[in-house]
């Protein structure tokens, strides 16, 4: 499988946003309202639609759910622990860590769905949908917590108001209650989802400044190392411990090596943190994903 070809659309949109912002009249004054549109409307609609419309057989997928919960807990704990690792603390700016910790455990759902379809067709998509359903609420809550704490904002208040968490919770509730999205509304929701992907990635590119990584090189290397090296290794051991079948193992390993979520930049910016630093991490994660995906799948053999 050509992983560079799979990841190229995301990377090209990030590059497009960077070039348009730097070399055209569409500067930061244009892209800041775009970020708000993506964060408060487009991304939430996409999350709700993706989760609500996917049939999830929670009972049949209990082993995969267990594996997803274990991996989620392990990656969040490992990323949160970085400022407390002996020898690393003085190299980890606390506020930057609060904004960029999410890069270590969040994942790109769009690439996940495309990759699962190429690996195992409809069955692969079903398995990855279960992992998305399990991972999105956990990782969104985990992403908001350190930023609300260091910004001295009420955590519960931030959760209640966070549009991504509201959309995820609503989508899961609709799924559990077996509520059907009206056929006439589905095309509009799909178009909104497509717009959120394109504009979210371009906004990340518009806010990107690779030079901003120089202020915390060790932090950047650490969160990317967790996302693309430590997580696949942990996923391999978890898949053996839980006893996943071959199809589940293949999808789970691919899931473990995905690039980080493109919305990480938007979330950090909207909560008052250094969006440029996070945008640079999102871009690098997309590139490193071309290496970590074949690495993760090679562990199976």
C-alpha atoms as a PDB file:
ATOM      1  CA  UNK A   1       0.000   0.000   0.000  1.00  0.00           C
ATOM      2  CA  UNK A   2       1.270   3.484  -0.882  1.00  0.00           C
ATOM      3  CA  UNK A   3       1.007   5.373   2.427  1.00  0.00           C
ATOM      4  CA  UNK A   4       2.485   8.551   0.958  1.00  0.00           C
ATOM      5  CA  UNK A   5      -0.340   8.605  -1.575  1.00  0.00           C
ATOM      6  CA  UNK A   6      -2.921   8.045   1.166  1.00  0.00           C
ATOM      7  CA  UNK A   7      -1.596  10.909   3.316  1.00  0.00           C
ATOM      8  CA  UNK A   8      -0.845  13.316   0.461  1.00  0.00           C
ATOM      9  CA  UNK A   9      -4.347  14.920   0.315  1.00  0.00           C
ATOM     10  CA  UNK A  10      -4.113  16.020   3.960  1.00  0.00           C
ATOM     11  CA  UNK A  11      -0.574  17.299   3.596  1.00  0.00           C
ATOM     12  CA  UNK A  12      -1.366  19.131   0.340  1.00  0.00           C
ATOM     13  CA  UNK A  13      -4.264  20.995   1.978  1.00  0.00           C
ATOM     14  CA  UNK A  14      -2.030  22.046   4.892  1.00  0.00           C
ATOM     15  CA  UNK A  15       0.578  23.269   2.402  1.00  0.00           C
ATOM     16  CA  UNK A  16      -2.105  25.077   0.403  1.00  0.00           C
ATOM     17  CA  UNK A  17      -3.296  26.956   3.503  1.00  0.00           C
ATOM     18  CA  UNK A  18       0.284  27.908   4.359  1.00  0.00           C
ATOM     19  CA  UNK A  19       1.006  29.280   0.871  1.00  0.00           C
ATOM     20  CA  UNK A  20      -2.305  31.122   0.529  1.00  0.00           C
ATOM     21  CA  UNK A  21      -1.876  32.808   3.922  1.00  0.00           C
ATOM     22  CA  UNK A  22       1.749  33.806   3.311  1.00  0.00           C
ATOM     23  CA  UNK A  23       1.678  34.819  -0.354  1.00  0.00           C
ATOM     24  CA  UNK A  24      -1.797  36.180  -1.060  1.00  0.00           C
ATOM     25  CA  UNK A  25      -4.128  38.870   0.331  1.00  0.00           C
ATOM     26  CA  UNK A  26      -5.913  36.078   2.286  1.00  0.00           C
ATOM     27  CA  UNK A  27      -3.816  36.627   5.417  1.00  0.00           C
ATOM     28  CA  UNK A  28      -4.459  35.808   9.083  1.00  0.00           C
ATOM     29  CA  UNK A  29      -7.349  38.278   9.261  1.00  0.00           C
ATOM     30  CA  UNK A  30      -9.233  35.954   6.886  1.00  0.00           C
ATOM     31  CA  UNK A  31      -8.278  32.662   8.495  1.00  0.00           C
ATOM     32  CA  UNK A  32      -9.150  33.498  12.100  1.00  0.00           C
ATOM     33  CA  UNK A  33     -12.913  33.652  11.317  1.00  0.00           C
ATOM     34  CA  UNK A  34     -12.481  30.426   9.321  1.00  0.00           C
ATOM     35  CA  UNK A  35     -11.051  28.726  12.423  1.00  0.00           C
ATOM     36  CA  UNK A  36     -14.101  29.763  14.439  1.00  0.00           C
ATOM     37  CA  UNK A  37     -16.449  28.478  11.726  1.00  0.00           C
ATOM     38  CA  UNK A  38     -14.661  25.114  11.645  1.00  0.00           C
ATOM     39  CA  UNK A  39     -14.480  24.748  15.417  1.00  0.00           C
ATOM     40  CA  UNK A  40     -17.989  25.815  16.344  1.00  0.00           C
ATOM     41  CA  UNK A  41     -19.965  24.445  13.396  1.00  0.00           C
ATOM     42  CA  UNK A  42     -18.277  22.381  10.686  1.00  0.00           C
ATOM     43  CA  UNK A  43     -16.275  19.922  12.815  1.00  0.00           C
ATOM     44  CA  UNK A  44     -19.119  19.294  15.295  1.00  0.00           C
ATOM     45  CA  UNK A  45     -21.523  18.483  12.448  1.00  0.00           C
ATOM     46  CA  UNK A  46     -18.958  16.110  10.931  1.00  0.00           C
ATOM     47  CA  UNK A  47     -18.389  14.288  14.243  1.00  0.00           C
ATOM     48  CA  UNK A  48     -22.094  13.904  14.944  1.00  0.00           C
ATOM     49  CA  UNK A  49     -22.845  12.655  11.436  1.00  0.00           C
ATOM     50  CA  UNK A  50     -19.916  10.194  11.364  1.00  0.00           C
ATOM     51  CA  UNK A  51     -20.810   8.593  14.698  1.00  0.00           C
ATOM     52  CA  UNK A  52     -24.601   8.678  14.427  1.00  0.00           C
ATOM     53  CA  UNK A  53     -24.802   7.051  11.002  1.00  0.00           C
ATOM     54  CA  UNK A  54     -22.390   4.163  11.725  1.00  0.00           C
ATOM     55  CA  UNK A  55     -23.951   0.933  12.970  1.00  0.00           C
ATOM     56  CA  UNK A  56     -21.878  -0.208  15.928  1.00  0.00           C
ATOM     57  CA  UNK A  57     -22.294  -3.726  17.292  1.00  0.00           C
ATOM     58  CA  UNK A  58     -20.879  -3.054  20.750  1.00  0.00           C
ATOM     59  CA  UNK A  59     -21.409  -6.606  22.027  1.00  0.00           C
ATOM     60  CA  UNK A  60     -19.692  -8.355  19.118  1.00  0.00           C
ATOM     61  CA  UNK A  61     -16.784  -5.930  19.306  1.00  0.00           C
ATOM     62  CA  UNK A  62     -16.159  -6.175  23.059  1.00  0.00           C
ATOM     63  CA  UNK A  63     -12.523  -7.286  22.625  1.00  0.00           C
ATOM     64  CA  UNK A  64     -11.771  -4.420  20.254  1.00  0.00           C
ATOM     65  CA  UNK A  65     -13.483  -1.960  22.609  1.00  0.00           C
ATOM     66  CA  UNK A  66     -11.367  -3.263  25.496  1.00  0.00           C
ATOM     67  CA  UNK A  67      -8.203  -2.883  23.427  1.00  0.00           C
ATOM     68  CA  UNK A  68      -9.175   0.658  22.409  1.00  0.00           C
ATOM     69  CA  UNK A  69      -9.836   1.678  26.023  1.00  0.00           C
ATOM     70  CA  UNK A  70      -6.533   0.215  27.218  1.00  0.00           C
ATOM     71  CA  UNK A  71      -4.565   1.916  24.434  1.00  0.00           C
ATOM     72  CA  UNK A  72      -6.348   5.218  25.041  1.00  0.00           C
ATOM     73  CA  UNK A  73      -5.615   5.144  28.767  1.00  0.00           C
ATOM     74  CA  UNK A  74      -1.959   4.207  28.174  1.00  0.00           C
ATOM     75  CA  UNK A  75      -1.262   6.914  25.583  1.00  0.00           C
ATOM     76  CA  UNK A  76      -2.996   9.654  27.573  1.00  0.00           C
ATOM     77  CA  UNK A  77      -1.133   8.688  30.747  1.00  0.00           C
ATOM     78  CA  UNK A  78       2.213   8.549  28.927  1.00  0.00           C
ATOM     79  CA  UNK A  79       1.690  11.954  27.309  1.00  0.00           C
ATOM     80  CA  UNK A  80       0.538  13.588  30.540  1.00  0.00           C
ATOM     81  CA  UNK A  81       3.595  12.212  32.357  1.00  0.00           C
ATOM     82  CA  UNK A  82       6.169  13.992  30.164  1.00  0.00           C
ATOM     83  CA  UNK A  83       6.721  16.993  32.486  1.00  0.00           C
ATOM     84  CA  UNK A  84       7.413  14.586  35.351  1.00  0.00           C
ATOM     85  CA  UNK A  85       9.998  12.387  33.629  1.00  0.00           C
ATOM     86  CA  UNK A  86      13.406  12.844  35.323  1.00  0.00           C
ATOM     87  CA  UNK A  87      15.667  14.972  33.151  1.00  0.00           C
ATOM     88  CA  UNK A  88      12.860  16.171  30.880  1.00  0.00           C
ATOM     89  CA  UNK A  89      11.003  18.586  33.152  1.00  0.00           C
ATOM     90  CA  UNK A  90      13.220  21.610  32.460  1.00  0.00           C
ATOM     91  CA  UNK A  91      12.804  21.087  28.705  1.00  0.00           C
ATOM     92  CA  UNK A  92       8.986  20.859  28.777  1.00  0.00           C
ATOM     93  CA  UNK A  93       7.232  24.267  28.915  1.00  0.00           C
ATOM     94  CA  UNK A  94       4.056  23.592  30.898  1.00  0.00           C
ATOM     95  CA  UNK A  95       1.732  25.765  28.825  1.00  0.00           C
ATOM     96  CA  UNK A  96       3.015  24.383  25.517  1.00  0.00           C
ATOM     97  CA  UNK A  97       2.683  20.868  26.902  1.00  0.00           C
ATOM     98  CA  UNK A  98      -0.958  21.551  27.830  1.00  0.00           C
ATOM     99  CA  UNK A  99      -1.693  22.563  24.216  1.00  0.00           C
ATOM    100  CA  UNK A 100       0.359  19.904  22.444  1.00  0.00           C
ATOM    101  CA  UNK A 101      -0.280  16.870  24.680  1.00  0.00           C
ATOM    102  CA  UNK A 102      -3.307  16.073  22.493  1.00  0.00           C
ATOM    103  CA  UNK A 103      -0.969  15.475  19.542  1.00  0.00           C
ATOM    104  CA  UNK A 104       0.389  12.410  21.364  1.00  0.00           C
ATOM    105  CA  UNK A 105      -2.940  10.565  21.522  1.00  0.00           C
ATOM    106  CA  UNK A 106      -5.544  12.069  19.148  1.00  0.00           C
ATOM    107  CA  UNK A 107      -5.925  10.649  15.631  1.00  0.00           C
ATOM    108  CA  UNK A 108      -7.129  11.667  12.172  1.00  0.00           C
ATOM    109  CA  UNK A 109     -10.528  10.026  11.676  1.00  0.00           C
ATOM    110  CA  UNK A 110     -10.626  10.725   7.929  1.00  0.00           C
ATOM    111  CA  UNK A 111      -7.362   8.913   7.275  1.00  0.00           C
ATOM    112  CA  UNK A 112      -8.518   6.139   9.630  1.00  0.00           C
ATOM    113  CA  UNK A 113     -11.643   5.460   7.563  1.00  0.00           C
ATOM    114  CA  UNK A 114      -9.797   5.601   4.241  1.00  0.00           C
ATOM    115  CA  UNK A 115      -7.024   3.313   5.476  1.00  0.00           C
ATOM    116  CA  UNK A 116      -9.433   0.758   6.973  1.00  0.00           C
ATOM    117  CA  UNK A 117     -11.345   0.579   3.707  1.00  0.00           C
ATOM    118  CA  UNK A 118      -8.142  -0.130   1.782  1.00  0.00           C
ATOM    119  CA  UNK A 119      -6.955  -2.709   4.286  1.00  0.00           C
ATOM    120  CA  UNK A 120     -10.129  -4.735   4.793  1.00  0.00           C
ATOM    121  CA  UNK A 121     -13.068  -3.207   2.921  1.00  0.00           C
ATOM    122  CA  UNK A 122     -16.443  -2.860   4.637  1.00  0.00           C
ATOM    123  CA  UNK A 123     -15.440  -5.057   7.590  1.00  0.00           C
ATOM    124  CA  UNK A 124     -12.383  -2.906   8.168  1.00  0.00           C
ATOM    125  CA  UNK A 125     -14.500   0.255   8.123  1.00  0.00           C
ATOM    126  CA  UNK A 126     -16.840  -1.279  10.702  1.00  0.00           C
ATOM    127  CA  UNK A 127     -13.918  -2.148  13.012  1.00  0.00           C
ATOM    128  CA  UNK A 128     -12.357   1.305  12.726  1.00  0.00           C
ATOM    129  CA  UNK A 129     -15.752   2.933  13.367  1.00  0.00           C
ATOM    130  CA  UNK A 130     -15.874   1.121  16.706  1.00  0.00           C
ATOM    131  CA  UNK A 131     -12.425   2.443  17.622  1.00  0.00           C
ATOM    132  CA  UNK A 132     -13.453   5.948  16.565  1.00  0.00           C
ATOM    133  CA  UNK A 133     -16.610   5.699  18.666  1.00  0.00           C
ATOM    134  CA  UNK A 134     -14.541   4.638  21.690  1.00  0.00           C
ATOM    135  CA  UNK A 135     -11.596   6.978  21.137  1.00  0.00           C
ATOM    136  CA  UNK A 136     -13.176  10.305  20.173  1.00  0.00           C
ATOM    137  CA  UNK A 137     -14.946  11.052  23.479  1.00  0.00           C
ATOM    138  CA  UNK A 138     -11.990   9.871  25.585  1.00  0.00           C
ATOM    139  CA  UNK A 139      -9.407  11.832  23.629  1.00  0.00           C
ATOM    140  CA  UNK A 140     -11.491  15.005  23.328  1.00  0.00           C
ATOM    141  CA  UNK A 141     -11.983  15.087  27.093  1.00  0.00           C
ATOM    142  CA  UNK A 142      -8.276  14.347  27.627  1.00  0.00           C
ATOM    143  CA  UNK A 143      -7.326  17.150  25.200  1.00  0.00           C
ATOM    144  CA  UNK A 144      -9.505  19.754  26.930  1.00  0.00           C
ATOM    145  CA  UNK A 145      -8.514  18.913  30.521  1.00  0.00           C
ATOM    146  CA  UNK A 146      -4.877  20.209  30.646  1.00  0.00           C
ATOM    147  CA  UNK A 147      -5.730  23.336  28.646  1.00  0.00           C
ATOM    148  CA  UNK A 148      -8.669  24.264  30.878  1.00  0.00           C
ATOM    149  CA  UNK A 149      -6.574  23.564  33.990  1.00  0.00           C
ATOM    150  CA  UNK A 150      -3.605  25.705  32.950  1.00  0.00           C
ATOM    151  CA  UNK A 151      -5.867  28.463  31.644  1.00  0.00           C
ATOM    152  CA  UNK A 152      -7.567  28.405  35.080  1.00  0.00           C
ATOM    153  CA  UNK A 153     -10.932  27.717  33.510  1.00  0.00           C
ATOM    154  CA  UNK A 154     -13.546  25.390  34.952  1.00  0.00           C
ATOM    155  CA  UNK A 155     -12.988  21.925  33.489  1.00  0.00           C
ATOM    156  CA  UNK A 156     -16.634  20.866  33.638  1.00  0.00           C
ATOM    157  CA  UNK A 157     -17.689  24.190  32.170  1.00  0.00           C
ATOM    158  CA  UNK A 158     -15.239  23.769  29.289  1.00  0.00           C
ATOM    159  CA  UNK A 159     -16.531  20.246  28.653  1.00  0.00           C
ATOM    160  CA  UNK A 160     -20.159  21.328  28.661  1.00  0.00           C
ATOM    161  CA  UNK A 161     -19.414  24.160  26.240  1.00  0.00           C
ATOM    162  CA  UNK A 162     -16.925  22.316  24.044  1.00  0.00           C
ATOM    163  CA  UNK A 163     -18.635  21.814  20.651  1.00  0.00           C
ATOM    164  CA  UNK A 164     -16.564  18.738  19.760  1.00  0.00           C
ATOM    165  CA  UNK A 165     -17.539  16.928  22.957  1.00  0.00           C
ATOM    166  CA  UNK A 166     -21.179  17.976  22.600  1.00  0.00           C
ATOM    167  CA  UNK A 167     -21.218  16.606  19.044  1.00  0.00           C
ATOM    168  CA  UNK A 168     -19.506  13.345  20.057  1.00  0.00           C
ATOM    169  CA  UNK A 169     -21.850  12.741  22.988  1.00  0.00           C
ATOM    170  CA  UNK A 170     -24.895  13.546  20.874  1.00  0.00           C
ATOM    171  CA  UNK A 171     -23.727  11.209  18.102  1.00  0.00           C
ATOM    172  CA  UNK A 172     -23.163   8.320  20.512  1.00  0.00           C
ATOM    173  CA  UNK A 173     -26.563   8.911  22.108  1.00  0.00           C
ATOM    174  CA  UNK A 174     -28.244   8.911  18.701  1.00  0.00           C
ATOM    175  CA  UNK A 175     -26.386   5.712  17.838  1.00  0.00           C
ATOM    176  CA  UNK A 176     -27.386   3.932  21.038  1.00  0.00           C
ATOM    177  CA  UNK A 177     -31.021   4.999  20.623  1.00  0.00           C
ATOM    178  CA  UNK A 178     -30.891   3.922  16.956  1.00  0.00           C
ATOM    179  CA  UNK A 179     -32.079   7.328  15.755  1.00  0.00           C
ATOM    180  CA  UNK A 180     -31.918   7.608  11.981  1.00  0.00           C
ATOM    181  CA  UNK A 181     -30.713  10.687  10.119  1.00  0.00           C
ATOM    182  CA  UNK A 182     -33.389  11.682   7.547  1.00  0.00           C
ATOM    183  CA  UNK A 183     -32.423  10.788   3.999  1.00  0.00           C
ATOM    184  CA  UNK A 184     -33.053  14.336   2.817  1.00  0.00           C
ATOM    185  CA  UNK A 185     -30.545  15.706   5.379  1.00  0.00           C
ATOM    186  CA  UNK A 186     -27.732  13.253   4.645  1.00  0.00           C
ATOM    187  CA  UNK A 187     -26.290  14.944   1.504  1.00  0.00           C
ATOM    188  CA  UNK A 188     -26.091  18.321   3.255  1.00  0.00           C
ATOM    189  CA  UNK A 189     -24.358  16.799   6.283  1.00  0.00           C
ATOM    190  CA  UNK A 190     -21.852  15.021   4.026  1.00  0.00           C
ATOM    191  CA  UNK A 191     -21.012  18.298   2.276  1.00  0.00           C
ATOM    192  CA  UNK A 192     -20.556  20.062   5.601  1.00  0.00           C
ATOM    193  CA  UNK A 193     -18.217  17.261   6.680  1.00  0.00           C
ATOM    194  CA  UNK A 194     -16.164  17.598   3.493  1.00  0.00           C
ATOM    195  CA  UNK A 195     -15.926  21.354   4.030  1.00  0.00           C
ATOM    196  CA  UNK A 196     -14.746  20.874   7.606  1.00  0.00           C
ATOM    197  CA  UNK A 197     -11.912  18.610   6.486  1.00  0.00           C
ATOM    198  CA  UNK A 198     -10.676  20.958   3.770  1.00  0.00           C
ATOM    199  CA  UNK A 199     -10.996  24.187   5.756  1.00  0.00           C
ATOM    200  CA  UNK A 200      -9.665  22.647   8.979  1.00  0.00           C
ATOM    201  CA  UNK A 201      -6.489  21.436   7.269  1.00  0.00           C
ATOM    202  CA  UNK A 202      -6.018  24.704   5.371  1.00  0.00           C
ATOM    203  CA  UNK A 203      -6.512  26.671   8.599  1.00  0.00           C
ATOM    204  CA  UNK A 204      -3.816  24.540  10.222  1.00  0.00           C
ATOM    205  CA  UNK A 205      -1.490  25.400   7.344  1.00  0.00           C
ATOM    206  CA  UNK A 206      -2.363  29.100   7.558  1.00  0.00           C
ATOM    207  CA  UNK A 207      -1.405  29.126  11.233  1.00  0.00           C
ATOM    208  CA  UNK A 208       1.723  27.056  10.773  1.00  0.00           C
ATOM    209  CA  UNK A 209       5.164  28.294  11.639  1.00  0.00           C
ATOM    210  CA  UNK A 210       7.805  25.577  11.570  1.00  0.00           C
ATOM    211  CA  UNK A 211      10.182  27.951  13.308  1.00  0.00           C
ATOM    212  CA  UNK A 212       7.925  27.827  16.355  1.00  0.00           C
ATOM    213  CA  UNK A 213       9.111  24.253  17.012  1.00  0.00           C
ATOM    214  CA  UNK A 214      12.524  25.627  18.000  1.00  0.00           C
ATOM    215  CA  UNK A 215      11.104  26.891  21.289  1.00  0.00           C
ATOM    216  CA  UNK A 216      10.411  23.329  22.479  1.00  0.00           C
ATOM    217  CA  UNK A 217      12.242  20.762  20.341  1.00  0.00           C
ATOM    218  CA  UNK A 218      12.279  18.059  23.014  1.00  0.00           C
ATOM    219  CA  UNK A 219       8.558  18.472  23.683  1.00  0.00           C
ATOM    220  CA  UNK A 220       7.839  18.193  19.943  1.00  0.00           C
ATOM    221  CA  UNK A 221      10.017  15.093  19.589  1.00  0.00           C
ATOM    222  CA  UNK A 222       8.436  13.528  22.679  1.00  0.00           C
ATOM    223  CA  UNK A 223       4.780  13.879  21.679  1.00  0.00           C
ATOM    224  CA  UNK A 224       5.507  12.761  18.112  1.00  0.00           C
ATOM    225  CA  UNK A 225       7.542   9.835  19.445  1.00  0.00           C
ATOM    226  CA  UNK A 226       4.589   8.765  21.583  1.00  0.00           C
ATOM    227  CA  UNK A 227       2.140   9.150  18.699  1.00  0.00           C
ATOM    228  CA  UNK A 228       4.177   7.306  16.074  1.00  0.00           C
ATOM    229  CA  UNK A 229       6.511   4.923  17.896  1.00  0.00           C
ATOM    230  CA  UNK A 230       5.403   4.168  21.463  1.00  0.00           C
ATOM    231  CA  UNK A 231       1.706   3.847  20.610  1.00  0.00           C
ATOM    232  CA  UNK A 232       2.163   1.136  17.927  1.00  0.00           C
ATOM    233  CA  UNK A 233       4.395  -0.842  20.296  1.00  0.00           C
ATOM    234  CA  UNK A 234       1.823  -0.632  23.079  1.00  0.00           C
ATOM    235  CA  UNK A 235      -0.936  -1.535  20.620  1.00  0.00           C
ATOM    236  CA  UNK A 236       0.901  -4.696  19.596  1.00  0.00           C
ATOM    237  CA  UNK A 237       1.198  -5.927  23.189  1.00  0.00           C
ATOM    238  CA  UNK A 238      -2.418  -4.982  23.940  1.00  0.00           C
ATOM    239  CA  UNK A 239      -3.670  -6.855  20.866  1.00  0.00           C
ATOM    240  CA  UNK A 240      -1.903  -9.989  22.113  1.00  0.00           C
ATOM    241  CA  UNK A 241      -3.111  -9.535  25.687  1.00  0.00           C
ATOM    242  CA  UNK A 242      -6.761  -9.016  24.683  1.00  0.00           C
ATOM    243  CA  UNK A 243      -6.669 -11.726  21.999  1.00  0.00           C
ATOM    244  CA  UNK A 244      -7.860  -9.827  18.942  1.00  0.00           C
ATOM    245  CA  UNK A 245      -8.579 -11.839  15.802  1.00  0.00           C
ATOM    246  CA  UNK A 246      -6.385 -11.226  12.693  1.00  0.00           C
ATOM    247  CA  UNK A 247      -8.730  -8.656  11.120  1.00  0.00           C
ATOM    248  CA  UNK A 248      -9.125  -6.729  14.375  1.00  0.00           C
ATOM    249  CA  UNK A 249      -5.369  -6.843  14.956  1.00  0.00           C
ATOM    250  CA  UNK A 250      -4.637  -5.445  11.501  1.00  0.00           C
ATOM    251  CA  UNK A 251      -7.105  -2.576  11.902  1.00  0.00           C
ATOM    252  CA  UNK A 252      -6.040  -1.900  15.495  1.00  0.00           C
ATOM    253  CA  UNK A 253      -2.365  -1.663  14.524  1.00  0.00           C
ATOM    254  CA  UNK A 254      -3.160   0.731  11.673  1.00  0.00           C
ATOM    255  CA  UNK A 255      -5.265   2.783  14.085  1.00  0.00           C
ATOM    256  CA  UNK A 256      -2.342   3.023  16.510  1.00  0.00           C
ATOM    257  CA  UNK A 257      -0.038   4.708  13.981  1.00  0.00           C
ATOM    258  CA  UNK A 258      -2.398   7.294  12.476  1.00  0.00           C
ATOM    259  CA  UNK A 259      -1.337  10.937  12.161  1.00  0.00           C
ATOM    260  CA  UNK A 260      -2.764  13.188  14.837  1.00  0.00           C
ATOM    261  CA  UNK A 261      -6.119  14.959  14.450  1.00  0.00           C
ATOM    262  CA  UNK A 262      -6.098  18.022  12.202  1.00  0.00           C
ATOM    263  CA  UNK A 263      -8.565  19.683  14.588  1.00  0.00           C
ATOM    264  CA  UNK A 264      -5.868  19.757  17.306  1.00  0.00           C
ATOM    265  CA  UNK A 265      -4.680  23.094  15.947  1.00  0.00           C
ATOM    266  CA  UNK A 266      -8.179  24.592  15.959  1.00  0.00           C
ATOM    267  CA  UNK A 267      -8.854  23.413  19.534  1.00  0.00           C
ATOM    268  CA  UNK A 268      -5.579  24.863  20.842  1.00  0.00           C
ATOM    269  CA  UNK A 269      -6.112  28.191  19.080  1.00  0.00           C
ATOM    270  CA  UNK A 270      -9.717  28.571  20.247  1.00  0.00           C
ATOM    271  CA  UNK A 271      -8.686  27.899  23.868  1.00  0.00           C
ATOM    272  CA  UNK A 272      -6.036  30.634  23.762  1.00  0.00           C
ATOM    273  CA  UNK A 273      -2.864  28.578  23.288  1.00  0.00           C
ATOM    274  CA  UNK A 274      -0.006  28.687  20.751  1.00  0.00           C
ATOM    275  CA  UNK A 275      -1.763  27.426  17.620  1.00  0.00           C
ATOM    276  CA  UNK A 276       1.330  27.813  15.443  1.00  0.00           C
ATOM    277  CA  UNK A 277       3.282  25.300  17.517  1.00  0.00           C
ATOM    278  CA  UNK A 278       0.437  22.762  17.381  1.00  0.00           C
ATOM    279  CA  UNK A 279      -0.102  23.361  13.637  1.00  0.00           C
ATOM    280  CA  UNK A 280       3.556  22.554  13.003  1.00  0.00           C
ATOM    281  CA  UNK A 281       3.165  19.339  15.023  1.00  0.00           C
ATOM    282  CA  UNK A 282       0.075  18.381  12.987  1.00  0.00           C
ATOM    283  CA  UNK A 283       2.056  18.865   9.763  1.00  0.00           C
ATOM    284  CA  UNK A 284       5.020  16.825  10.989  1.00  0.00           C
ATOM    285  CA  UNK A 285       2.709  14.097  12.276  1.00  0.00           C
ATOM    286  CA  UNK A 286       1.145  13.782   8.826  1.00  0.00           C
ATOM    287  CA  UNK A 287       4.601  13.311   7.318  1.00  0.00           C
ATOM    288  CA  UNK A 288       5.854  10.898   9.993  1.00  0.00           C
ATOM    289  CA  UNK A 289       2.657   8.867   9.558  1.00  0.00           C
ATOM    290  CA  UNK A 290       4.015   7.730   6.188  1.00  0.00           C
ATOM    291  CA  UNK A 291       6.692   5.853   8.157  1.00  0.00           C
ATOM    292  CA  UNK A 292       4.789   4.832  11.264  1.00  0.00           C
ATOM    293  CA  UNK A 293       1.946   3.114   9.400  1.00  0.00           C
ATOM    294  CA  UNK A 294       4.171   0.522   7.675  1.00  0.00           C
ATOM    295  CA  UNK A 295       6.156   0.183  10.946  1.00  0.00           C
ATOM    296  CA  UNK A 296       3.002  -0.643  12.923  1.00  0.00           C
ATOM    297  CA  UNK A 297       1.711  -3.138  10.372  1.00  0.00           C
ATOM    298  CA  UNK A 298       5.129  -4.802  10.138  1.00  0.00           C
ATOM    299  CA  UNK A 299       4.869  -5.704  13.846  1.00  0.00           C
ATOM    300  CA  UNK A 300       2.068  -8.151  12.973  1.00  0.00           C
ATOM    301  CA  UNK A 301       4.479 -10.381  11.087  1.00  0.00           C
END
